[in-house]
Structures are given as C-alpha cells and as structure tokens.
Amino acid sequence: MLALIRKPKVLFLDEPTTGVDVVSRKEFWEMLKRLKAEGITIMVSTSYMDEANLCDRIGLMLDGKILSVDSPAATVAAYPEPLFAIKSERMYNLLNDLRSLPYITQCYTFGEFIHIAINNEVSPETTLLPHLHEKGHQHLVFGPTQPTVEDCFIRLLNSTNKNHSNDN
C-alpha cells in the first residue's frame, strides 16, 4: 500500500495473492479495478489463470520467455482444435489409452476430467468412443468443452516442450 501514496503511473505486483484466501483475493482484484479506473497501469505476475482472465492483456511465459501476448478472449479464441472433456471410472487407464492414440493432439488432466484435443479430421463419435469402449471404458462422460486460458497455456507448454525435445 505504501507504493500507492504517491499515485504511481505503473504498479508492478509479483504474485500478490499467493497464499491469500478466496474472499481476500476477490477484494484485492476489486481494489486493482478501482486503481485501473484512476489511470494506473498495473502489471501482475500470477500463476492463477482465473486471475489472468481479469486482465486486459496476458503474457503467457515459460522459463522467462514470452510464448503469447493477447487479451484473454483472443488467447482462448485462437485455440486451434476441438477440445473435449472426458472421464470414466478408470481415469488412469483412460489417460494412458488416450495418450496412445495418434489423433489425440493434447491430453491432460483438468480437475475431475481429462481434456483432449482431437485432430480435426477425426470424428470422436465414430473413432474415439468405439475404441474406448473396446478398451473396456464403460459409462464415459464425454462432450465438447470451451478452452480456457489454462488450456491455451498447457497447449503452448506442450508444443514448446515438443520443440525442445526435437532439438536434441
């Protein structure tokens, strides 16, 4: 708060809500919104993707390198493939079975679901789901889902890691 006494033009905050409870985080972001309305530019580093959604522009970074800079909405809109959420009674086996399929371009746990991106040329109803049923996955919960900033970040991380492994 001392930094605000002289009303700076730019305020830099490094993970200001780490370890802060949910209610206080919300109040903190409301305060930042008021400061922005007063004309203060605010730069925030955060690992909380829900906080990144509150910003006008986000820069997604890995190892100090900027991977993407855009608005949260534009970042999400640029997600290139259909994204689906799937779960079953055997999540570990499902994850392994999904990762073995060549037409799955992204596959990672996301809360209680697994998020998968599927090559545009493949129909999940005629290709993926019958294959999973053959593998013994019954009672699947499956459907399209909207990408989030976190999905976009994971995609960038995965593509960056693939590029680095190809360099070796």
N, C-alpha and C. Protein backbone atom coordinates (compact mmCIF):
# COMPACT_ATOMS: atom_id res chain seq x y z
N MET A 1 0.80 -1.19 0.00
CA MET A 1 0.00 0.00 0.00
C MET A 1 0.86 1.27 0.00
N LEU A 2 2.05 1.19 0.54
CA LEU A 2 2.93 2.37 0.53
C LEU A 2 3.23 2.84 -0.88
N ALA A 3 3.27 1.90 -1.81
CA ALA A 3 3.57 2.25 -3.20
C ALA A 3 2.50 3.14 -3.80
N LEU A 4 1.31 3.15 -3.23
CA LEU A 4 0.20 3.92 -3.79
C LEU A 4 0.11 5.34 -3.23
N ILE A 5 0.89 5.68 -2.23
CA ILE A 5 0.82 7.01 -1.61
C ILE A 5 1.09 8.11 -2.63
N ARG A 6 2.06 7.89 -3.51
CA ARG A 6 2.43 8.92 -4.49
C ARG A 6 1.71 8.76 -5.82
N LYS A 7 0.70 7.86 -5.90
CA LYS A 7 -0.07 7.57 -7.11
C LYS A 7 0.84 7.34 -8.31
N PRO A 8 1.44 6.18 -8.38
CA PRO A 8 2.36 5.87 -9.47
C PRO A 8 1.61 5.72 -10.80
N LYS A 9 2.36 5.85 -11.89
CA LYS A 9 1.77 5.62 -13.22
C LYS A 9 1.68 4.14 -13.51
N VAL A 10 2.66 3.38 -12.98
CA VAL A 10 2.71 1.94 -13.20
C VAL A 10 2.93 1.26 -11.85
N LEU A 11 2.19 0.19 -11.64
CA LEU A 11 2.32 -0.59 -10.41
C LEU A 11 2.67 -2.02 -10.80
N PHE A 12 3.79 -2.55 -10.32
CA PHE A 12 4.23 -3.91 -10.59
C PHE A 12 3.94 -4.77 -9.37
N LEU A 13 3.23 -5.88 -9.58
CA LEU A 13 2.87 -6.78 -8.49
C LEU A 13 3.30 -8.20 -8.85
N ASP A 14 4.11 -8.79 -8.01
CA ASP A 14 4.63 -10.13 -8.25
C ASP A 14 3.86 -11.14 -7.39
N GLU A 15 2.98 -11.89 -8.00
CA GLU A 15 2.15 -12.89 -7.34
C GLU A 15 1.57 -12.37 -6.02
N PRO A 16 0.79 -11.29 -6.10
CA PRO A 16 0.32 -10.64 -4.88
C PRO A 16 -0.71 -11.44 -4.09
N THR A 17 -1.35 -12.43 -4.69
CA THR A 17 -2.40 -13.16 -3.96
C THR A 17 -2.00 -14.58 -3.59
N THR A 18 -0.73 -14.92 -3.74
CA THR A 18 -0.28 -16.25 -3.36
C THR A 18 -0.50 -16.44 -1.86
N GLY A 19 -1.18 -17.50 -1.50
CA GLY A 19 -1.45 -17.80 -0.09
C GLY A 19 -2.58 -17.00 0.51
N VAL A 20 -3.31 -16.26 -0.32
CA VAL A 20 -4.41 -15.43 0.18
C VAL A 20 -5.72 -16.18 -0.01
N ASP A 21 -6.63 -16.07 0.95
CA ASP A 21 -7.90 -16.78 0.85
C ASP A 21 -8.76 -16.21 -0.29
N VAL A 22 -9.75 -16.97 -0.71
CA VAL A 22 -10.56 -16.65 -1.89
C VAL A 22 -11.27 -15.30 -1.73
N VAL A 23 -11.85 -15.03 -0.58
CA VAL A 23 -12.57 -13.76 -0.37
C VAL A 23 -11.61 -12.58 -0.47
N SER A 24 -10.46 -12.68 0.16
CA SER A 24 -9.48 -11.59 0.11
C SER A 24 -8.94 -11.39 -1.30
N ARG A 25 -8.76 -12.48 -2.04
CA ARG A 25 -8.32 -12.37 -3.44
C ARG A 25 -9.33 -11.56 -4.24
N LYS A 26 -10.60 -11.86 -4.06
CA LYS A 26 -11.65 -11.14 -4.79
C LYS A 26 -11.63 -9.65 -4.43
N GLU A 27 -11.51 -9.35 -3.15
CA GLU A 27 -11.45 -7.95 -2.70
C GLU A 27 -10.22 -7.25 -3.27
N PHE A 28 -9.11 -7.96 -3.32
CA PHE A 28 -7.87 -7.40 -3.85
C PHE A 28 -8.06 -7.01 -5.32
N TRP A 29 -8.67 -7.90 -6.11
CA TRP A 29 -8.88 -7.61 -7.53
C TRP A 29 -9.89 -6.49 -7.74
N GLU A 30 -10.83 -6.35 -6.84
CA GLU A 30 -11.76 -5.20 -6.90
C GLU A 30 -10.98 -3.89 -6.67
N MET A 31 -10.02 -3.93 -5.75
CA MET A 31 -9.19 -2.76 -5.49
C MET A 31 -8.34 -2.43 -6.72
N LEU A 32 -7.78 -3.46 -7.37
CA LEU A 32 -7.00 -3.22 -8.58
C LEU A 32 -7.85 -2.61 -9.69
N LYS A 33 -9.10 -3.04 -9.78
CA LYS A 33 -10.02 -2.49 -10.78
C LYS A 33 -10.24 -0.98 -10.54
N ARG A 34 -10.36 -0.60 -9.26
CA ARG A 34 -10.53 0.83 -8.93
C ARG A 34 -9.26 1.62 -9.27
N LEU A 35 -8.10 1.04 -9.00
CA LEU A 35 -6.84 1.72 -9.33
C LEU A 35 -6.70 1.90 -10.84
N LYS A 36 -7.09 0.90 -11.59
CA LYS A 36 -7.05 0.99 -13.05
C LYS A 36 -7.95 2.13 -13.53
N ALA A 37 -9.12 2.26 -12.91
CA ALA A 37 -10.06 3.32 -13.28
C ALA A 37 -9.47 4.71 -13.01
N GLU A 38 -8.49 4.78 -12.09
CA GLU A 38 -7.81 6.05 -11.79
C GLU A 38 -6.66 6.31 -12.75
N GLY A 39 -6.45 5.41 -13.70
CA GLY A 39 -5.41 5.63 -14.71
C GLY A 39 -4.08 4.98 -14.40
N ILE A 40 -4.03 4.14 -13.40
CA ILE A 40 -2.78 3.46 -13.07
C ILE A 40 -2.67 2.19 -13.91
N THR A 41 -1.52 2.01 -14.56
CA THR A 41 -1.24 0.78 -15.30
C THR A 41 -0.74 -0.24 -14.30
N ILE A 42 -1.31 -1.44 -14.35
CA ILE A 42 -0.96 -2.46 -13.37
C ILE A 42 -0.43 -3.69 -14.11
N MET A 43 0.77 -4.11 -13.73
CA MET A 43 1.40 -5.32 -14.27
C MET A 43 1.41 -6.34 -13.13
N VAL A 44 0.81 -7.50 -13.38
CA VAL A 44 0.69 -8.53 -12.35
C VAL A 44 1.28 -9.84 -12.89
N SER A 45 2.13 -10.47 -12.10
CA SER A 45 2.53 -11.83 -12.42
C SER A 45 1.70 -12.74 -11.53
N THR A 46 1.14 -13.79 -12.11
CA THR A 46 0.32 -14.72 -11.34
C THR A 46 0.35 -16.08 -12.00
N SER A 47 0.22 -17.09 -11.19
CA SER A 47 0.09 -18.44 -11.72
C SER A 47 -1.38 -18.89 -11.69
N TYR A 48 -2.25 -18.01 -11.19
CA TYR A 48 -3.68 -18.32 -11.14
C TYR A 48 -4.34 -17.87 -12.44
N MET A 49 -4.77 -18.83 -13.23
CA MET A 49 -5.34 -18.50 -14.53
C MET A 49 -6.67 -17.77 -14.41
N ASP A 50 -7.41 -17.98 -13.32
CA ASP A 50 -8.65 -17.22 -13.14
C ASP A 50 -8.34 -15.74 -12.94
N GLU A 51 -7.20 -15.42 -12.35
CA GLU A 51 -6.78 -14.03 -12.21
C GLU A 51 -6.34 -13.46 -13.55
N ALA A 52 -5.67 -14.27 -14.35
CA ALA A 52 -5.24 -13.81 -15.67
C ALA A 52 -6.45 -13.40 -16.50
N ASN A 53 -7.57 -14.08 -16.33
CA ASN A 53 -8.79 -13.73 -17.06
C ASN A 53 -9.31 -12.34 -16.71
N LEU A 54 -8.90 -11.81 -15.58
CA LEU A 54 -9.36 -10.49 -15.15
C LEU A 54 -8.54 -9.36 -15.78
N CYS A 55 -7.48 -9.70 -16.47
CA CYS A 55 -6.58 -8.70 -17.04
C CYS A 55 -7.01 -8.32 -18.46
N ASP A 56 -6.58 -7.12 -18.90
CA ASP A 56 -6.86 -6.68 -20.27
C ASP A 56 -6.02 -7.46 -21.27
N ARG A 57 -4.76 -7.70 -20.91
CA ARG A 57 -3.84 -8.45 -21.77
C ARG A 57 -3.05 -9.39 -20.87
N ILE A 58 -2.74 -10.55 -21.45
CA ILE A 58 -1.94 -11.52 -20.71
C ILE A 58 -0.74 -11.93 -21.55
N GLY A 59 0.34 -12.15 -20.88
CA GLY A 59 1.53 -12.71 -21.50
C GLY A 59 1.78 -14.06 -20.86
N LEU A 60 1.72 -15.11 -21.64
CA LEU A 60 1.99 -16.45 -21.13
C LEU A 60 3.48 -16.72 -21.32
N MET A 61 4.14 -17.13 -20.23
CA MET A 61 5.59 -17.26 -20.24
C MET A 61 6.03 -18.63 -19.76
N LEU A 62 7.19 -19.03 -20.23
CA LEU A 62 7.86 -20.25 -19.79
C LEU A 62 9.35 -19.97 -19.72
N ASP A 63 9.94 -20.24 -18.59
CA ASP A 63 11.39 -20.04 -18.39
C ASP A 63 11.84 -18.64 -18.81
N GLY A 64 11.03 -17.63 -18.49
CA GLY A 64 11.39 -16.25 -18.81
C GLY A 64 11.16 -15.84 -20.25
N LYS A 65 10.64 -16.74 -21.07
CA LYS A 65 10.38 -16.43 -22.48
C LYS A 65 8.88 -16.27 -22.69
N ILE A 66 8.51 -15.23 -23.41
CA ILE A 66 7.11 -14.97 -23.69
C ILE A 66 6.65 -15.88 -24.83
N LEU A 67 5.59 -16.65 -24.56
CA LEU A 67 5.04 -17.57 -25.56
C LEU A 67 3.88 -16.94 -26.33
N SER A 68 3.16 -16.04 -25.68
CA SER A 68 1.97 -15.44 -26.28
C SER A 68 1.61 -14.18 -25.53
N VAL A 69 1.13 -13.16 -26.25
CA VAL A 69 0.61 -11.94 -25.63
C VAL A 69 -0.66 -11.56 -26.36
N ASP A 70 -1.76 -11.46 -25.63
CA ASP A 70 -3.03 -11.07 -26.22
C ASP A 70 -4.04 -10.88 -25.09
N SER A 71 -5.26 -10.54 -25.45
CA SER A 71 -6.33 -10.48 -24.45
C SER A 71 -6.70 -11.91 -24.07
N PRO A 72 -7.27 -12.11 -22.90
CA PRO A 72 -7.70 -13.46 -22.56
C PRO A 72 -8.69 -14.03 -23.59
N ALA A 73 -9.63 -13.22 -24.05
CA ALA A 73 -10.62 -13.71 -25.03
C ALA A 73 -9.95 -14.11 -26.34
N ALA A 74 -9.01 -13.31 -26.82
CA ALA A 74 -8.32 -13.63 -28.07
C ALA A 74 -7.42 -14.85 -27.90
N THR A 75 -6.82 -15.00 -26.75
CA THR A 75 -5.99 -16.17 -26.48
C THR A 75 -6.83 -17.44 -26.57
N VAL A 76 -7.99 -17.41 -25.95
CA VAL A 76 -8.89 -18.57 -25.96
C VAL A 76 -9.45 -18.81 -27.36
N ALA A 77 -9.81 -17.74 -28.06
CA ALA A 77 -10.38 -17.87 -29.41
C ALA A 77 -9.38 -18.47 -30.40
N ALA A 78 -8.09 -18.35 -30.12
CA ALA A 78 -7.07 -18.86 -31.03
C ALA A 78 -6.80 -20.36 -30.84
N TYR A 79 -7.48 -20.99 -29.87
CA TYR A 79 -7.27 -22.43 -29.68
C TYR A 79 -7.64 -23.15 -30.97
N PRO A 80 -6.74 -23.92 -31.56
CA PRO A 80 -6.91 -24.35 -32.95
C PRO A 80 -7.76 -25.60 -33.21
N GLU A 81 -8.06 -26.39 -32.19
CA GLU A 81 -8.72 -27.67 -32.42
C GLU A 81 -9.94 -27.80 -31.52
N PRO A 82 -10.84 -28.72 -31.88
CA PRO A 82 -11.93 -29.01 -30.95
C PRO A 82 -11.37 -29.57 -29.64
N LEU A 83 -11.93 -29.11 -28.53
CA LEU A 83 -11.49 -29.55 -27.21
C LEU A 83 -12.65 -30.28 -26.55
N PHE A 84 -12.33 -31.41 -25.92
CA PHE A 84 -13.36 -32.22 -25.27
C PHE A 84 -12.94 -32.53 -23.84
N ALA A 85 -13.94 -32.75 -23.00
CA ALA A 85 -13.73 -33.21 -21.63
C ALA A 85 -14.27 -34.63 -21.54
N ILE A 86 -13.52 -35.50 -20.90
CA ILE A 86 -13.91 -36.90 -20.80
C ILE A 86 -13.52 -37.44 -19.43
N LYS A 87 -14.35 -38.34 -18.91
CA LYS A 87 -13.98 -39.05 -17.68
C LYS A 87 -14.64 -40.41 -17.68
N SER A 88 -14.06 -41.30 -16.89
CA SER A 88 -14.60 -42.65 -16.74
C SER A 88 -14.33 -43.11 -15.31
N GLU A 89 -14.72 -44.32 -15.05
CA GLU A 89 -14.48 -44.89 -13.72
C GLU A 89 -13.02 -45.29 -13.53
N ARG A 90 -12.28 -45.40 -14.63
CA ARG A 90 -10.87 -45.82 -14.59
C ARG A 90 -10.02 -44.72 -15.22
N MET A 91 -9.84 -43.64 -14.50
CA MET A 91 -9.21 -42.45 -15.07
C MET A 91 -7.75 -42.68 -15.46
N TYR A 92 -6.99 -43.39 -14.67
CA TYR A 92 -5.57 -43.61 -15.01
C TYR A 92 -5.46 -44.41 -16.31
N ASN A 93 -6.25 -45.46 -16.43
CA ASN A 93 -6.23 -46.26 -17.66
C ASN A 93 -6.71 -45.43 -18.84
N LEU A 94 -7.75 -44.62 -18.61
CA LEU A 94 -8.27 -43.76 -19.68
C LEU A 94 -7.18 -42.80 -20.17
N LEU A 95 -6.47 -42.19 -19.26
CA LEU A 95 -5.41 -41.26 -19.62
C LEU A 95 -4.36 -41.96 -20.48
N ASN A 96 -3.93 -43.13 -20.07
CA ASN A 96 -2.93 -43.88 -20.84
C ASN A 96 -3.46 -44.29 -22.20
N ASP A 97 -4.71 -44.75 -22.26
CA ASP A 97 -5.29 -45.16 -23.54
C ASP A 97 -5.42 -43.98 -24.48
N LEU A 98 -5.83 -42.83 -23.96
CA LEU A 98 -5.96 -41.63 -24.81
C LEU A 98 -4.61 -41.18 -25.34
N ARG A 99 -3.59 -41.21 -24.48
CA ARG A 99 -2.27 -40.74 -24.89
C ARG A 99 -1.63 -41.64 -25.94
N SER A 100 -2.13 -42.85 -26.09
CA SER A 100 -1.56 -43.76 -27.09
C SER A 100 -2.15 -43.55 -28.48
N LEU A 101 -3.19 -42.73 -28.59
CA LEU A 101 -3.87 -42.54 -29.88
C LEU A 101 -3.22 -41.42 -30.69
N PRO A 102 -2.86 -41.70 -31.94
CA PRO A 102 -2.13 -40.70 -32.74
C PRO A 102 -2.96 -39.47 -33.11
N TYR A 103 -4.26 -39.55 -33.10
CA TYR A 103 -5.10 -38.41 -33.48
C TYR A 103 -5.47 -37.52 -32.29
N ILE A 104 -5.02 -37.88 -31.09
CA ILE A 104 -5.18 -37.02 -29.91
C ILE A 104 -3.96 -36.11 -29.87
N THR A 105 -4.17 -34.81 -30.04
CA THR A 105 -3.03 -33.89 -30.10
C THR A 105 -2.68 -33.29 -28.74
N GLN A 106 -3.63 -33.27 -27.81
CA GLN A 106 -3.39 -32.81 -26.44
C GLN A 106 -4.16 -33.73 -25.51
N CYS A 107 -3.59 -34.06 -24.36
CA CYS A 107 -4.25 -34.94 -23.41
C CYS A 107 -3.67 -34.69 -22.03
N TYR A 108 -4.49 -34.18 -21.10
CA TYR A 108 -4.01 -33.86 -19.77
C TYR A 108 -5.18 -33.82 -18.80
N THR A 109 -4.89 -34.07 -17.54
CA THR A 109 -5.94 -34.00 -16.53
C THR A 109 -6.31 -32.54 -16.29
N PHE A 110 -7.59 -32.33 -16.03
CA PHE A 110 -8.12 -30.99 -15.82
C PHE A 110 -9.25 -31.13 -14.82
N GLY A 111 -8.92 -30.98 -13.53
CA GLY A 111 -9.92 -31.21 -12.50
C GLY A 111 -10.31 -32.68 -12.49
N GLU A 112 -11.61 -32.95 -12.48
CA GLU A 112 -12.07 -34.34 -12.46
C GLU A 112 -12.14 -34.96 -13.85
N PHE A 113 -11.83 -34.18 -14.88
CA PHE A 113 -11.89 -34.64 -16.26
C PHE A 113 -10.49 -34.74 -16.86
N ILE A 114 -10.44 -35.32 -18.04
CA ILE A 114 -9.26 -35.26 -18.89
C ILE A 114 -9.67 -34.39 -20.07
N HIS A 115 -8.86 -33.40 -20.39
CA HIS A 115 -9.11 -32.59 -21.59
C HIS A 115 -8.30 -33.17 -22.73
N ILE A 116 -8.98 -33.31 -23.86
CA ILE A 116 -8.30 -33.82 -25.06
C ILE A 116 -8.62 -32.94 -26.25
N ALA A 117 -7.62 -32.70 -27.05
CA ALA A 117 -7.81 -32.05 -28.35
C ALA A 117 -7.64 -33.14 -29.39
N ILE A 118 -8.54 -33.11 -30.36
CA ILE A 118 -8.57 -34.17 -31.37
C ILE A 118 -8.30 -33.55 -32.73
N ASN A 119 -7.47 -34.23 -33.51
CA ASN A 119 -7.22 -33.81 -34.88
C ASN A 119 -8.55 -33.55 -35.57
N ASN A 120 -8.64 -32.42 -36.28
CA ASN A 120 -9.88 -32.00 -36.93
C ASN A 120 -10.46 -33.02 -37.90
N GLU A 121 -9.65 -33.93 -38.39
CA GLU A 121 -10.10 -34.90 -39.39
C GLU A 121 -10.75 -36.13 -38.79
N VAL A 122 -10.78 -36.23 -37.45
CA VAL A 122 -11.29 -37.42 -36.79
C VAL A 122 -12.61 -37.10 -36.08
N SER A 123 -13.57 -37.97 -36.23
CA SER A 123 -14.86 -37.84 -35.54
C SER A 123 -14.80 -38.64 -34.23
N PRO A 124 -14.98 -37.99 -33.11
CA PRO A 124 -14.91 -38.73 -31.84
C PRO A 124 -16.00 -39.80 -31.73
N GLU A 125 -17.16 -39.52 -32.29
CA GLU A 125 -18.28 -40.46 -32.17
C GLU A 125 -18.03 -41.76 -32.95
N THR A 126 -17.37 -41.66 -34.08
CA THR A 126 -17.17 -42.86 -34.90
C THR A 126 -15.79 -43.50 -34.70
N THR A 127 -14.85 -42.76 -34.14
CA THR A 127 -13.50 -43.29 -33.98
C THR A 127 -13.11 -43.47 -32.52
N LEU A 128 -13.14 -42.39 -31.76
CA LEU A 128 -12.63 -42.41 -30.38
C LEU A 128 -13.51 -43.24 -29.44
N LEU A 129 -14.78 -42.94 -29.38
CA LEU A 129 -15.64 -43.59 -28.40
C LEU A 129 -15.75 -45.10 -28.62
N PRO A 130 -15.92 -45.57 -29.86
CA PRO A 130 -15.91 -47.04 -30.04
C PRO A 130 -14.59 -47.69 -29.60
N HIS A 131 -13.48 -47.02 -29.87
CA HIS A 131 -12.17 -47.55 -29.46
C HIS A 131 -12.10 -47.66 -27.93
N LEU A 132 -12.57 -46.63 -27.24
CA LEU A 132 -12.51 -46.65 -25.78
C LEU A 132 -13.44 -47.72 -25.20
N HIS A 133 -14.59 -47.91 -25.81
CA HIS A 133 -15.48 -48.98 -25.35
C HIS A 133 -14.82 -50.34 -25.53
N GLU A 134 -14.11 -50.53 -26.65
CA GLU A 134 -13.38 -51.79 -26.87
C GLU A 134 -12.31 -52.00 -25.81
N LYS A 135 -11.74 -50.91 -25.31
CA LYS A 135 -10.70 -50.99 -24.26
C LYS A 135 -11.30 -51.19 -22.87
N GLY A 136 -12.64 -51.30 -22.79
CA GLY A 136 -13.29 -51.57 -21.51
C GLY A 136 -13.76 -50.35 -20.75
N HIS A 137 -13.73 -49.20 -21.37
CA HIS A 137 -14.19 -47.98 -20.69
C HIS A 137 -15.70 -47.84 -20.90
N GLN A 138 -16.43 -48.13 -19.85
CA GLN A 138 -17.88 -48.01 -19.89
C GLN A 138 -18.28 -46.76 -19.10
N HIS A 139 -19.48 -46.32 -19.26
CA HIS A 139 -20.01 -45.17 -18.51
C HIS A 139 -19.14 -43.93 -18.67
N LEU A 140 -18.71 -43.67 -19.88
CA LEU A 140 -17.92 -42.48 -20.17
C LEU A 140 -18.79 -41.23 -20.10
N VAL A 141 -18.24 -40.19 -19.55
CA VAL A 141 -18.85 -38.87 -19.64
C VAL A 141 -17.98 -38.12 -20.64
N PHE A 142 -18.59 -37.68 -21.74
CA PHE A 142 -17.81 -37.10 -22.83
C PHE A 142 -18.61 -35.98 -23.48
N GLY A 143 -17.91 -34.90 -23.80
CA GLY A 143 -18.57 -33.82 -24.53
C GLY A 143 -17.61 -32.70 -24.84
N PRO A 144 -18.00 -31.83 -25.74
CA PRO A 144 -17.16 -30.68 -26.07
C PRO A 144 -17.07 -29.73 -24.88
N THR A 145 -15.97 -29.03 -24.80
CA THR A 145 -15.79 -28.03 -23.75
C THR A 145 -15.10 -26.81 -24.34
N GLN A 146 -15.34 -25.66 -23.76
CA GLN A 146 -14.71 -24.44 -24.22
C GLN A 146 -13.31 -24.34 -23.63
N PRO A 147 -12.32 -24.01 -24.44
CA PRO A 147 -10.97 -23.84 -23.89
C PRO A 147 -10.93 -22.66 -22.92
N THR A 148 -10.04 -22.77 -21.98
CA THR A 148 -9.78 -21.69 -21.03
C THR A 148 -8.36 -21.18 -21.28
N VAL A 149 -7.99 -20.11 -20.60
CA VAL A 149 -6.62 -19.62 -20.68
C VAL A 149 -5.66 -20.73 -20.23
N GLU A 150 -6.07 -21.49 -19.24
CA GLU A 150 -5.21 -22.58 -18.76
C GLU A 150 -5.00 -23.64 -19.83
N ASP A 151 -6.06 -23.99 -20.58
CA ASP A 151 -5.90 -24.93 -21.70
C ASP A 151 -4.92 -24.39 -22.72
N CYS A 152 -5.02 -23.10 -23.03
CA CYS A 152 -4.12 -22.49 -24.01
C CYS A 152 -2.68 -22.51 -23.51
N PHE A 153 -2.49 -22.25 -22.23
CA PHE A 153 -1.15 -22.28 -21.65
C PHE A 153 -0.57 -23.70 -21.71
N ILE A 154 -1.37 -24.69 -21.36
CA ILE A 154 -0.90 -26.08 -21.41
C ILE A 154 -0.53 -26.45 -22.84
N ARG A 155 -1.34 -26.04 -23.80
CA ARG A 155 -1.04 -26.32 -25.21
C ARG A 155 0.30 -25.70 -25.61
N LEU A 156 0.51 -24.44 -25.21
CA LEU A 156 1.78 -23.78 -25.52
C LEU A 156 2.95 -24.49 -24.85
N LEU A 157 2.77 -24.90 -23.59
CA LEU A 157 3.83 -25.63 -22.89
C LEU A 157 4.16 -26.93 -23.61
N ASN A 158 3.12 -27.67 -23.98
CA ASN A 158 3.33 -28.95 -24.66
C ASN A 158 4.03 -28.76 -26.00
N SER A 159 3.62 -27.75 -26.77
CA SER A 159 4.25 -27.55 -28.08
C SER A 159 5.69 -27.05 -27.90
N THR A 160 5.95 -26.25 -26.89
CA THR A 160 7.31 -25.78 -26.62
C THR A 160 8.18 -26.96 -26.19
N ASN A 161 7.65 -27.82 -25.33
CA ASN A 161 8.42 -28.98 -24.87
C ASN A 161 8.70 -29.94 -26.02
N LYS A 162 7.74 -30.13 -26.94
CA LYS A 162 7.98 -30.98 -28.11
C LYS A 162 9.08 -30.39 -28.99
N ASN A 163 9.05 -29.06 -29.17
CA ASN A 163 10.09 -28.41 -29.96
C ASN A 163 11.45 -28.57 -29.32
N HIS A 164 11.52 -28.46 -27.98
CA HIS A 164 12.80 -28.63 -27.30
C HIS A 164 13.29 -30.07 -27.41
N SER A 165 12.37 -31.05 -27.33
CA SER A 165 12.82 -32.44 -27.43
C SER A 165 13.26 -32.78 -28.85
N ASN A 166 12.71 -32.09 -29.85
CA ASN A 166 13.15 -32.29 -31.23
C ASN A 166 14.52 -31.68 -31.49
N ASP A 167 14.93 -30.72 -30.66
CA ASP A 167 16.23 -30.06 -30.82
C ASP A 167 17.38 -30.99 -30.40
N ASN A 168 17.07 -31.99 -29.59
CA ASN A 168 18.13 -32.86 -29.04
C ASN A 168 18.59 -33.87 -30.06
